[in-house]
Amino acid sequence: MHRFLSIMAFFFLIPGPIIQAKVLQESLSESSKVWLNEVVPYIITKAEKEFFLSLPNEVERGKFIESFWKKRDPRPETPENEFKTEYFRRIAQANKLFGKAGIEGWRTDRGKVYILLGPPKDIQRDMTPTSFSTSVFHGPREIWNYWGLSNPRLPYNLEFVFIDRLGTGNYVLERNVRLAEQGGQPLDLNASHYHFDTMEYMAEIMKNPFERMDELRGIITTQVTYEQIPFDAAFFYFKGAAETSLIPLAVSIPYAACTQKEIEGRSLLSLNVLIHVSDALGQVILERNKDIEIRHSPGEMEALQTESLYAQTSISLESATYNAHILVLDNFSGKVGTLHKKLVVPDFNTQGLSTSNVILYVSNGGENLDDLLAGRGHMGMIKNTFKTGDEMSLIFEAYHLTKNPESDAYDFEVTYEYFDQGQSLLRIPAPGSNQSLEKDIRIHTSFMLKNFKPGNYILRVKVTDIHSGNAVTKDVTFLIIR
């Protein structure tokens, strides 16, 4: 009896919190272990991991996991968690691209960097093994370059060097180089601390891979003008599908305003063009993003410093008035330029003869005109600057021709006239009437600019509907340089 009372007294004298800890602290389930060690090991911060391990049971851990993804969602108002989608996409890509020698791709050094920072802006590959001494062997290597990373505590430019020491295809991280400092540091991705807490800061970047894009959206939606990179943009209106208009867009950027980077003897430019279109109430209704990378020899790039590069894309909008906000980002320098324009989109579905804008472009002899209008053509085809002797191609469309009942076809004529400072310089009359089986037509032709001196010119295109006698003209300006 005394022994029983002693045992009972022992239990009652144990402090309450210790009993609760033993009762409430459940061990990690297999699913929690997998989530912690195989799903989020690269993006969970040290504080988050400690808090997760301190949770008393699986119910609370489930709530934590839900909150973990939710707070990384860049757009909580939408049903999709873009961060989570992108993260698992990167894991899948890492497994596909870097799994070698029995190691899953996400566990490799290249896989880790890919998951945290995404695909590199540039990869240099040296497949020739080299040996600097009898004891040090350097196998094939890859050099990954990043720039424009969103985390301000990381260098704007980063370079990672991976070496396949054993020839198995598994590239191990050799060092990370800060390009701005032209120096290198050894880097152990498995270490808890390196210089600054590398994994922690990389995890911060991965918290929102869309952070940089959100920052750029913030710049252009304020409608403040930034002129670190001067540029211009031209919109062209064509009849689109259903009730919309197809709007090809050409952006011209001076080469001299862009920052160059030398890679393997080539000069590289890297730009990003972001386009926002908002309605009369200021609501963003369309966004387009386009990456631009141009490589030339140093000599070629030097010769282009007095010219502009051209990039093109297209958007589709219903007939209305909009505000277009365009931003150009130089990925090497971080400089930006912005432009704000009003778009008055015509209604091409009304009756009556009308025409699209006239697009001038440089032909490569095999372009697909639908691709050209959709912005999928060769970059720089749409432009308004030419040299004496160039062949200038043009494309436009005419809508709502009237049918001639006698010929059961649509008859029309097209004339072209060039103006120099308001004076007619050259008129190319229509060789005769043309016929079409459709009331909407597309016309493309080209002219040699042999006798044009440097200067500004206007090309006037006139389309005449033979049956109704109605005519429509469209002017387009262009520049001749030496």
Protein backbone atom coordinates (compact mmCIF):
# COMPACT_ATOMS: atom_id res chain seq x y z
CA MET A 1 0.00 0.00 0.00
CA HIS A 2 2.79 2.40 0.94
CA ARG A 3 4.59 1.52 -2.28
CA PHE A 4 1.47 2.31 -4.33
CA LEU A 5 1.06 5.67 -2.57
CA SER A 6 4.73 6.46 -3.21
CA ILE A 7 4.30 5.76 -6.90
CA MET A 8 1.15 7.87 -7.04
CA ALA A 9 2.92 10.71 -5.20
CA PHE A 10 5.77 10.54 -7.69
CA PHE A 11 3.40 11.10 -10.62
CA PHE A 12 1.50 13.90 -8.94
CA LEU A 13 4.74 15.72 -8.06
CA ILE A 14 5.93 15.81 -11.70
CA PRO A 15 5.44 19.35 -13.07
CA GLY A 16 2.42 19.70 -15.35
CA PRO A 17 4.16 21.12 -18.45
CA ILE A 18 6.48 18.10 -18.68
CA ILE A 19 3.52 15.74 -18.71
CA GLN A 20 1.79 17.84 -21.37
CA ALA A 21 4.90 17.89 -23.57
CA LYS A 22 5.10 14.12 -23.51
CA VAL A 23 1.41 13.71 -24.20
CA LEU A 24 0.96 16.39 -26.90
CA GLN A 25 4.22 16.26 -28.89
CA GLU A 26 3.54 13.77 -31.67
CA SER A 27 6.41 12.43 -33.70
CA LEU A 28 6.63 13.48 -37.35
CA SER A 29 4.61 11.36 -39.71
CA GLU A 30 6.27 9.98 -42.83
CA SER A 31 4.41 12.52 -44.96
CA SER A 32 5.68 15.39 -42.79
CA LYS A 33 9.23 14.05 -43.02
CA VAL A 34 8.98 13.81 -46.81
CA TRP A 35 7.54 17.34 -47.05
CA LEU A 36 10.29 18.78 -44.86
CA ASN A 37 13.26 16.86 -46.27
CA GLU A 38 12.33 16.24 -49.89
CA VAL A 39 9.73 18.83 -50.91
CA VAL A 40 10.83 22.15 -49.39
CA PRO A 41 14.39 21.70 -48.08
CA TYR A 42 15.77 24.51 -50.26
CA ILE A 43 13.07 27.13 -49.67
CA ILE A 44 12.10 26.70 -46.03
CA THR A 45 13.99 29.12 -43.79
CA LYS A 46 15.75 28.11 -40.60
CA ALA A 47 13.14 29.84 -38.44
CA GLU A 48 10.29 28.16 -40.32
CA LYS A 49 11.91 24.74 -39.97
CA GLU A 50 12.41 25.15 -36.22
CA PHE A 51 8.82 26.29 -35.78
CA PHE A 52 7.52 23.36 -37.85
CA LEU A 53 9.48 20.87 -35.73
CA SER A 54 8.10 22.46 -32.55
CA LEU A 55 4.46 21.95 -33.54
CA PRO A 56 2.65 19.44 -31.30
CA ASN A 57 0.73 17.34 -33.82
CA GLU A 58 -0.04 16.62 -37.43
CA VAL A 59 -3.13 18.85 -37.46
CA GLU A 60 -1.01 21.88 -36.62
CA ARG A 61 1.66 20.81 -39.11
CA GLY A 62 -0.99 20.58 -41.82
CA LYS A 63 -2.10 24.13 -41.01
CA PHE A 64 1.52 25.27 -41.15
CA ILE A 65 2.05 23.67 -44.59
CA GLU A 66 -1.09 25.39 -45.90
CA SER A 67 0.11 28.72 -44.52
CA PHE A 68 3.65 28.08 -45.87
CA TRP A 69 2.39 28.00 -49.46
CA LYS A 70 -0.24 30.67 -48.98
CA LYS A 71 2.15 33.37 -47.79
CA ARG A 72 4.34 32.74 -50.86
CA ASP A 73 1.42 33.14 -53.25
CA PRO A 74 2.15 36.30 -55.32
CA ARG A 75 -1.53 36.63 -56.28
CA PRO A 76 -3.74 35.50 -53.38
CA GLU A 77 -6.85 36.76 -55.16
CA THR A 78 -6.51 34.10 -57.89
CA PRO A 79 -7.26 30.37 -57.41
CA GLU A 80 -3.79 29.31 -58.59
CA ASN A 81 -0.71 29.66 -56.43
CA GLU A 82 1.80 30.72 -59.10
CA PHE A 83 4.75 30.30 -56.76
CA LYS A 84 3.84 26.71 -55.90
CA THR A 85 3.24 25.87 -59.56
CA GLU A 86 6.58 27.36 -60.59
CA TYR A 87 8.42 25.66 -57.75
CA PHE A 88 7.20 22.17 -58.63
CA ARG A 89 7.78 22.89 -62.31
CA ARG A 90 11.42 23.68 -61.51
CA ILE A 91 11.77 20.48 -59.49
CA ALA A 92 10.37 18.47 -62.40
CA GLN A 93 12.73 20.24 -64.82
CA ALA A 94 15.71 19.69 -62.50
CA ASN A 95 14.94 15.96 -62.34
CA LYS A 96 14.63 15.82 -66.11
CA LEU A 97 17.76 17.83 -66.90
CA PHE A 98 20.27 17.00 -64.17
CA GLY A 99 19.58 13.51 -62.86
CA LYS A 100 22.84 11.61 -63.36
CA ALA A 101 24.83 8.75 -61.85
CA GLY A 102 21.88 7.50 -59.83
CA ILE A 103 21.31 10.92 -58.22
CA GLU A 104 17.92 12.58 -58.58
CA GLY A 105 18.21 15.88 -60.40
CA TRP A 106 16.79 17.98 -57.57
CA ARG A 107 19.54 16.72 -55.25
CA THR A 108 22.40 17.77 -57.55
CA ASP A 109 24.19 21.11 -57.29
CA ARG A 110 22.89 22.25 -60.65
CA GLY A 111 19.41 21.16 -59.61
CA LYS A 112 19.62 23.14 -56.36
CA VAL A 113 20.67 26.33 -58.12
CA TYR A 114 18.08 25.81 -60.87
CA ILE A 115 15.26 25.35 -58.34
CA LEU A 116 16.25 28.43 -56.33
CA LEU A 117 17.19 30.83 -59.11
CA GLY A 118 15.46 29.37 -62.15
CA PRO A 119 17.12 28.83 -65.53
CA PRO A 120 20.32 30.86 -65.99
CA LYS A 121 20.38 33.78 -68.37
CA ASP A 122 23.45 32.34 -70.09
CA ILE A 123 25.31 28.98 -70.05
CA GLN A 124 28.87 28.48 -71.29
CA ARG A 125 30.02 24.89 -71.78
CA ASP A 126 33.60 23.66 -71.99
CA MET A 127 33.55 19.94 -72.78
CA THR A 128 37.34 19.53 -72.90
CA PRO A 129 38.86 18.13 -69.67
CA THR A 130 41.99 19.98 -68.55
CA SER A 131 44.69 19.39 -65.96
CA PHE A 132 46.60 22.24 -64.36
CA SER A 133 48.93 19.93 -62.44
CA THR A 134 49.57 16.26 -61.98
CA SER A 135 47.33 16.24 -58.93
CA VAL A 136 44.44 18.51 -59.94
CA PHE A 137 42.09 17.35 -62.69
CA HIS A 138 39.40 19.60 -64.14
CA GLY A 139 36.76 17.80 -66.15
CA PRO A 140 34.12 19.29 -68.45
CA ARG A 141 32.51 22.34 -66.94
CA GLU A 142 29.48 24.60 -67.21
CA ILE A 143 29.37 28.28 -66.27
CA TRP A 144 25.94 29.64 -65.36
CA ASN A 145 25.38 33.40 -65.43
CA TYR A 146 22.54 35.21 -63.67
CA TRP A 147 21.77 38.92 -63.59
CA GLY A 148 18.90 41.09 -62.43
CA LEU A 149 18.19 38.94 -59.37
CA SER A 150 15.41 40.46 -57.28
CA ASN A 151 17.10 40.14 -53.88
CA PRO A 152 18.98 43.40 -53.17
CA ARG A 153 21.40 41.59 -50.84
CA LEU A 154 22.71 39.44 -53.67
CA PRO A 155 25.03 40.83 -56.35
CA TYR A 156 23.24 42.03 -59.47
CA ASN A 157 25.38 39.57 -61.46
CA LEU A 158 26.19 36.03 -60.31
CA GLU A 159 28.25 33.30 -61.96
CA PHE A 160 28.31 29.62 -60.93
CA VAL A 161 30.96 27.19 -62.17
CA PHE A 162 30.10 23.47 -62.21
CA ILE A 163 32.66 20.74 -63.00
CA ASP A 164 32.10 17.08 -63.89
CA ARG A 165 35.15 15.79 -62.03
CA LEU A 166 34.43 12.07 -62.41
CA GLY A 167 33.06 12.11 -65.94
CA THR A 168 29.69 10.75 -64.78
CA GLY A 169 27.60 13.71 -65.91
CA ASN A 170 27.10 14.94 -62.35
CA TYR A 171 28.47 18.50 -62.28
CA VAL A 172 29.59 19.67 -58.83
CA LEU A 173 29.61 23.34 -57.89
CA GLU A 174 33.19 24.56 -57.89
CA ARG A 175 32.75 28.19 -57.00
CA ASN A 176 30.46 31.18 -57.24
CA VAL A 177 31.80 34.37 -58.75
CA ARG A 178 30.59 37.88 -58.17
CA LEU A 179 31.09 39.37 -61.59
CA ALA A 180 31.04 42.92 -60.26
CA GLU A 181 34.01 42.15 -58.01
CA GLN A 182 35.80 39.89 -60.51
CA GLY A 183 36.51 37.48 -57.68
CA GLY A 184 35.58 33.97 -56.63
CA GLN A 185 34.52 32.26 -53.45
CA PRO A 186 34.24 28.55 -52.62
CA LEU A 187 30.64 27.60 -52.10
CA ASP A 188 29.20 24.61 -50.29
CA LEU A 189 25.46 24.46 -50.91
CA ASN A 190 25.08 22.02 -48.03
CA ALA A 191 26.77 24.30 -45.50
CA SER A 192 24.54 26.23 -43.14
CA HIS A 193 26.51 29.43 -43.59
CA TYR A 194 28.65 30.75 -46.42
CA HIS A 195 29.81 34.38 -46.55
CA PHE A 196 26.27 35.51 -45.97
CA ASP A 197 23.73 32.77 -45.32
CA THR A 198 23.54 31.72 -48.97
CA MET A 199 20.74 29.22 -48.73
CA GLU A 200 18.66 31.57 -46.58
CA TYR A 201 18.97 34.43 -49.02
CA MET A 202 18.38 32.19 -52.00
CA ALA A 203 15.26 30.96 -50.23
CA GLU A 204 14.16 34.57 -49.93
CA ILE A 205 14.50 34.97 -53.68
CA MET A 206 12.47 31.84 -54.27
CA LYS A 207 9.73 33.08 -51.94
CA ASN A 208 8.39 34.97 -54.93
CA PRO A 209 10.01 34.32 -58.31
CA PHE A 210 7.62 36.93 -59.73
CA GLU A 211 8.89 39.66 -57.40
CA ARG A 212 10.95 41.33 -60.11
CA MET A 213 7.98 41.34 -62.45
CA ASP A 214 5.74 42.79 -59.73
CA GLU A 215 8.31 45.54 -59.19
CA LEU A 216 8.25 46.41 -62.90
CA ARG A 217 4.44 46.35 -62.91
CA GLY A 218 4.52 48.83 -60.07
CA ILE A 219 6.75 51.16 -62.07
CA ILE A 220 4.63 51.30 -65.20
CA THR A 221 1.23 51.43 -63.51
CA THR A 222 2.27 54.60 -61.67
CA GLN A 223 2.54 56.17 -65.15
CA VAL A 224 5.70 57.98 -64.10
CA THR A 225 8.12 58.43 -67.00
CA TYR A 226 11.64 57.01 -66.68
CA GLU A 227 14.13 57.87 -69.41
CA GLN A 228 17.26 55.96 -68.40
CA ILE A 229 16.66 53.96 -71.58
CA PRO A 230 15.12 56.13 -74.33
CA PHE A 231 12.95 54.22 -76.78
CA ASP A 232 9.89 54.54 -79.00
CA ALA A 233 6.97 52.26 -79.79
CA ALA A 234 4.59 52.12 -82.75
CA PHE A 235 1.18 50.42 -82.78
CA PHE A 236 -0.56 49.24 -85.95
CA TYR A 237 -4.26 48.39 -86.24
CA PHE A 238 -5.55 45.43 -88.28
CA LYS A 239 -8.84 43.55 -88.36
CA GLY A 240 -8.61 40.61 -85.98
CA ALA A 241 -10.65 37.58 -85.06
CA ALA A 242 -14.31 37.92 -84.04
CA GLU A 243 -14.93 41.46 -82.73
CA THR A 244 -11.29 42.29 -81.95
CA SER A 245 -8.50 44.16 -83.67
CA LEU A 246 -5.02 42.68 -84.08
CA ILE A 247 -2.43 45.24 -83.03
CA PRO A 248 1.19 44.56 -84.05
CA LEU A 249 3.65 46.52 -81.94
CA ALA A 250 7.23 47.49 -82.79
CA VAL A 251 9.62 48.84 -80.14
CA SER A 252 12.80 50.64 -81.23
CA ILE A 253 15.69 51.02 -78.75
CA PRO A 254 19.01 52.73 -79.49
CA TYR A 255 21.91 50.29 -79.30
CA ALA A 256 23.97 52.99 -77.58
CA ALA A 257 21.50 53.06 -74.66
CA CYS A 258 22.02 49.35 -73.89
CA THR A 259 24.68 47.78 -71.70
CA GLN A 260 26.86 45.12 -73.31
CA LYS A 261 28.36 42.01 -71.78
CA GLU A 262 31.25 40.11 -73.34
CA ILE A 263 30.73 36.32 -73.42
CA GLU A 264 33.06 34.00 -75.32
CA GLY A 265 34.18 36.75 -77.68
CA ARG A 266 30.63 37.88 -78.43
CA SER A 267 28.87 41.05 -77.29
CA LEU A 268 25.51 40.33 -75.68
CA LEU A 269 22.54 42.64 -75.01
CA SER A 270 19.74 41.42 -72.73
CA LEU A 271 16.50 43.37 -72.42
CA ASN A 272 12.98 42.79 -71.19
CA VAL A 273 9.93 44.57 -72.60
CA LEU A 274 6.79 44.72 -70.46
CA ILE A 275 3.49 45.99 -71.88
CA HIS A 276 0.41 46.85 -69.83
CA VAL A 277 -2.88 47.95 -71.34
CA SER A 278 -5.53 49.51 -69.08
CA ASP A 279 -9.10 50.60 -69.80
CA ALA A 280 -10.71 53.98 -69.18
CA LEU A 281 -11.18 53.06 -65.49
CA GLY A 282 -7.50 52.27 -65.06
CA GLN A 283 -8.02 48.51 -64.78
CA VAL A 284 -5.22 46.44 -66.32
CA ILE A 285 -6.81 44.20 -68.92
CA LEU A 286 -3.78 42.88 -70.79
CA GLU A 287 -0.13 42.20 -70.09
CA ARG A 288 2.61 41.09 -72.44
CA ASN A 289 6.22 40.29 -71.57
CA LYS A 290 9.02 39.73 -74.10
CA ASP A 291 12.68 38.85 -73.55
CA ILE A 292 15.23 40.17 -76.04
CA GLU A 293 18.76 38.84 -76.42
CA ILE A 294 21.06 40.01 -79.20
CA ARG A 295 24.56 38.69 -79.90
CA HIS A 296 27.09 40.24 -82.25
CA SER A 297 30.83 40.32 -82.60
CA PRO A 298 32.39 43.32 -80.80
CA GLY A 299 33.08 44.91 -84.18
CA GLU A 300 29.52 44.46 -85.38
CA MET A 301 28.15 45.84 -82.09
CA GLU A 302 30.41 48.87 -82.38
CA ALA A 303 29.12 49.58 -85.89
CA LEU A 304 25.53 49.46 -84.63
CA GLN A 305 25.97 52.14 -81.94
CA THR A 306 24.39 54.81 -84.16
CA GLU A 307 21.38 52.62 -84.99
CA SER A 308 18.40 51.17 -83.13
CA LEU A 309 17.36 47.60 -82.45
CA TYR A 310 13.74 46.66 -83.13
CA ALA A 311 11.58 44.15 -81.28
CA GLN A 312 8.03 43.20 -82.08
CA THR A 313 5.02 41.49 -80.59
CA SER A 314 1.23 41.87 -80.92
CA ILE A 315 -1.90 42.24 -78.81
CA SER A 316 -5.64 41.86 -79.49
CA LEU A 317 -8.26 44.31 -78.21
CA GLU A 318 -11.89 45.18 -78.81
CA SER A 319 -12.76 48.57 -80.29
CA ALA A 320 -12.36 51.20 -77.53
CA THR A 321 -9.89 53.70 -76.12
CA TYR A 322 -7.10 52.35 -73.91
CA ASN A 323 -3.92 53.46 -72.18
CA ALA A 324 -0.76 51.53 -73.05
CA HIS A 325 2.18 51.52 -70.64
CA ILE A 326 5.47 50.11 -71.94
CA LEU A 327 8.62 49.47 -69.93
CA VAL A 328 12.06 48.43 -71.20
CA LEU A 329 14.49 46.92 -68.67
CA ASP A 330 18.21 46.48 -69.32
CA ASN A 331 19.00 43.22 -67.50
CA PHE A 332 22.71 44.03 -67.21
CA SER A 333 22.51 47.55 -65.78
CA GLY A 334 19.06 47.49 -64.20
CA LYS A 335 18.16 50.73 -66.00
CA VAL A 336 14.61 51.22 -67.24
CA GLY A 337 12.68 53.35 -69.68
CA THR A 338 8.93 53.85 -69.80
CA LEU A 339 6.47 55.14 -72.37
CA HIS A 340 2.76 55.86 -72.03
CA LYS A 341 0.50 56.05 -75.08
CA LYS A 342 -3.22 56.26 -75.75
CA LEU A 343 -4.64 53.55 -78.02
CA VAL A 344 -7.76 54.33 -80.02
CA VAL A 345 -8.71 50.94 -81.47
CA PRO A 346 -10.97 51.27 -84.54
CA ASP A 347 -13.98 49.11 -85.28
CA PHE A 348 -13.20 47.32 -88.53
CA ASN A 349 -16.54 45.46 -88.44
CA THR A 350 -18.60 48.48 -89.47
CA GLN A 351 -19.61 48.79 -93.12
CA GLY A 352 -17.75 51.08 -95.48
CA LEU A 353 -14.34 50.94 -97.11
CA SER A 354 -11.48 51.11 -94.57
CA THR A 355 -7.84 50.10 -94.36
CA SER A 356 -5.40 48.97 -91.73
CA ASN A 357 -2.22 50.85 -91.01
CA VAL A 358 0.67 50.34 -93.41
CA ILE A 359 3.57 48.37 -91.95
CA LEU A 360 7.05 48.81 -93.35
CA TYR A 361 9.51 46.00 -92.84
CA VAL A 362 12.72 44.39 -94.01
CA SER A 363 12.03 41.21 -95.91
CA ASN A 364 14.12 38.08 -95.44
CA GLY A 365 12.55 36.50 -98.50
CA GLY A 366 10.73 33.70 -96.69
CA GLU A 367 8.73 35.33 -93.90
CA ASN A 368 5.24 34.19 -93.03
CA LEU A 369 3.04 37.29 -93.15
CA ASP A 370 0.66 35.97 -90.50
CA ASP A 371 3.65 35.46 -88.21
CA LEU A 372 4.87 38.95 -89.03
CA LEU A 373 1.57 40.55 -87.97
CA ALA A 374 1.38 38.35 -84.87
CA GLY A 375 4.82 39.44 -83.74
CA ARG A 376 6.34 36.02 -84.32
CA GLY A 377 8.47 37.11 -87.25
CA HIS A 378 12.21 37.66 -87.28
CA MET A 379 13.03 40.26 -84.65
CA GLY A 380 13.55 43.67 -86.12
CA MET A 381 11.62 43.13 -89.36
CA ILE A 382 9.10 45.92 -88.61
CA LYS A 383 10.94 49.23 -88.76
CA ASN A 384 10.74 52.71 -90.24
CA THR A 385 14.48 53.39 -90.74
CA PHE A 386 16.24 52.29 -93.92
CA LYS A 387 19.44 52.98 -95.83
CA THR A 388 19.75 54.28 -99.37
CA GLY A 389 19.50 51.31 -101.69
CA ASP A 390 17.56 49.11 -99.25
CA GLU A 391 14.53 47.14 -100.35
CA MET A 392 11.56 48.40 -98.33
CA SER A 393 8.67 45.96 -98.05
CA LEU A 394 5.18 46.92 -96.93
CA ILE A 395 1.98 45.19 -95.92
CA PHE A 396 -1.57 46.46 -95.28
CA GLU A 397 -5.16 45.31 -95.55
CA ALA A 398 -8.36 46.84 -97.00
CA TYR A 399 -11.83 45.93 -95.75
CA HIS A 400 -15.41 45.96 -97.06
CA LEU A 401 -14.91 46.25 -100.79
CA THR A 402 -18.16 46.15 -102.77
CA LYS A 403 -18.83 43.42 -105.30
CA ASN A 404 -19.18 44.22 -108.97
CA PRO A 405 -22.29 42.28 -110.09
CA GLU A 406 -21.02 42.09 -113.66
CA SER A 407 -17.74 40.41 -112.77
CA ASP A 408 -19.04 38.82 -109.55
CA ALA A 409 -15.76 39.94 -107.96
CA TYR A 410 -14.37 42.81 -105.91
CA ASP A 411 -12.45 45.25 -108.13
CA PHE A 412 -9.92 47.70 -106.68
CA GLU A 413 -6.86 49.82 -107.49
CA VAL A 414 -3.82 50.77 -105.40
CA THR A 415 -1.50 53.73 -105.99
CA TYR A 416 1.63 54.75 -104.09
CA GLU A 417 3.06 58.27 -103.76
CA TYR A 418 6.22 59.47 -101.96
CA PHE A 419 6.49 62.93 -100.40
CA ASP A 420 9.60 64.86 -99.37
CA GLN A 421 8.90 67.86 -97.12
CA GLY A 422 5.33 68.08 -98.38
CA GLN A 423 6.29 67.93 -102.06
CA SER A 424 5.37 64.96 -104.23
CA LEU A 425 8.59 63.16 -105.08
CA LEU A 426 7.40 60.05 -106.90
CA ARG A 427 4.00 58.63 -107.81
CA ILE A 428 3.51 55.01 -108.77
CA PRO A 429 0.09 54.70 -110.46
CA ALA A 430 -1.98 51.56 -110.39
CA PRO A 431 -1.14 49.36 -113.39
CA GLY A 432 -4.84 48.52 -113.69
CA SER A 433 -7.67 47.20 -111.60
CA ASN A 434 -7.23 44.12 -109.47
CA GLN A 435 -9.84 41.56 -108.58
CA SER A 436 -10.53 39.62 -105.43
CA LEU A 437 -13.02 36.94 -104.50
CA GLU A 438 -13.09 38.30 -100.95
CA LYS A 439 -14.26 41.70 -99.73
CA ASP A 440 -11.29 41.92 -97.33
CA ILE A 441 -7.87 41.88 -98.98
CA ARG A 442 -4.22 41.88 -97.94
CA ILE A 443 -1.61 43.60 -100.05
CA HIS A 444 2.14 43.32 -99.76
CA THR A 445 4.80 44.61 -102.10
CA SER A 446 8.29 46.14 -102.00
CA PHE A 447 10.25 49.06 -103.45
CA MET A 448 13.95 49.72 -103.94
CA LEU A 449 15.07 52.96 -102.30
CA LYS A 450 17.82 53.65 -104.84
CA ASN A 451 17.46 57.39 -105.41
CA PHE A 452 16.43 58.45 -101.91
CA LYS A 453 18.78 60.79 -100.07
CA PRO A 454 19.02 60.71 -96.27
CA GLY A 455 16.01 62.39 -94.68
CA ASN A 456 12.38 61.96 -93.62
CA TYR A 457 9.74 60.86 -96.12
CA ILE A 458 6.03 60.04 -96.29
CA LEU A 459 4.58 57.17 -98.30
CA ARG A 460 0.88 57.61 -99.15
CA VAL A 461 -1.07 54.50 -100.08
CA LYS A 462 -4.45 54.96 -101.79
CA VAL A 463 -6.98 52.17 -102.23
CA THR A 464 -9.92 52.76 -104.59
CA ASP A 465 -13.04 50.58 -104.68
CA ILE A 466 -13.82 50.48 -108.42
CA HIS A 467 -17.53 49.62 -108.11
CA SER A 468 -18.48 52.23 -105.48
CA GLY A 469 -15.84 54.81 -106.39
CA ASN A 470 -14.89 55.22 -102.73
CA ALA A 471 -11.22 55.68 -101.86
CA VAL A 472 -9.18 55.59 -98.64
CA THR A 473 -5.63 56.83 -98.11
CA LYS A 474 -3.10 55.96 -95.41
CA ASP A 475 0.20 57.74 -94.77
CA VAL A 476 3.29 56.18 -93.24
CA THR A 477 6.52 58.01 -92.40
CA PHE A 478 10.02 56.56 -92.76
CA LEU A 479 13.60 57.69 -92.41
CA ILE A 480 16.52 57.21 -94.79
CA ILE A 481 20.01 57.18 -93.23
CA ARG A 482 23.44 56.77 -94.75
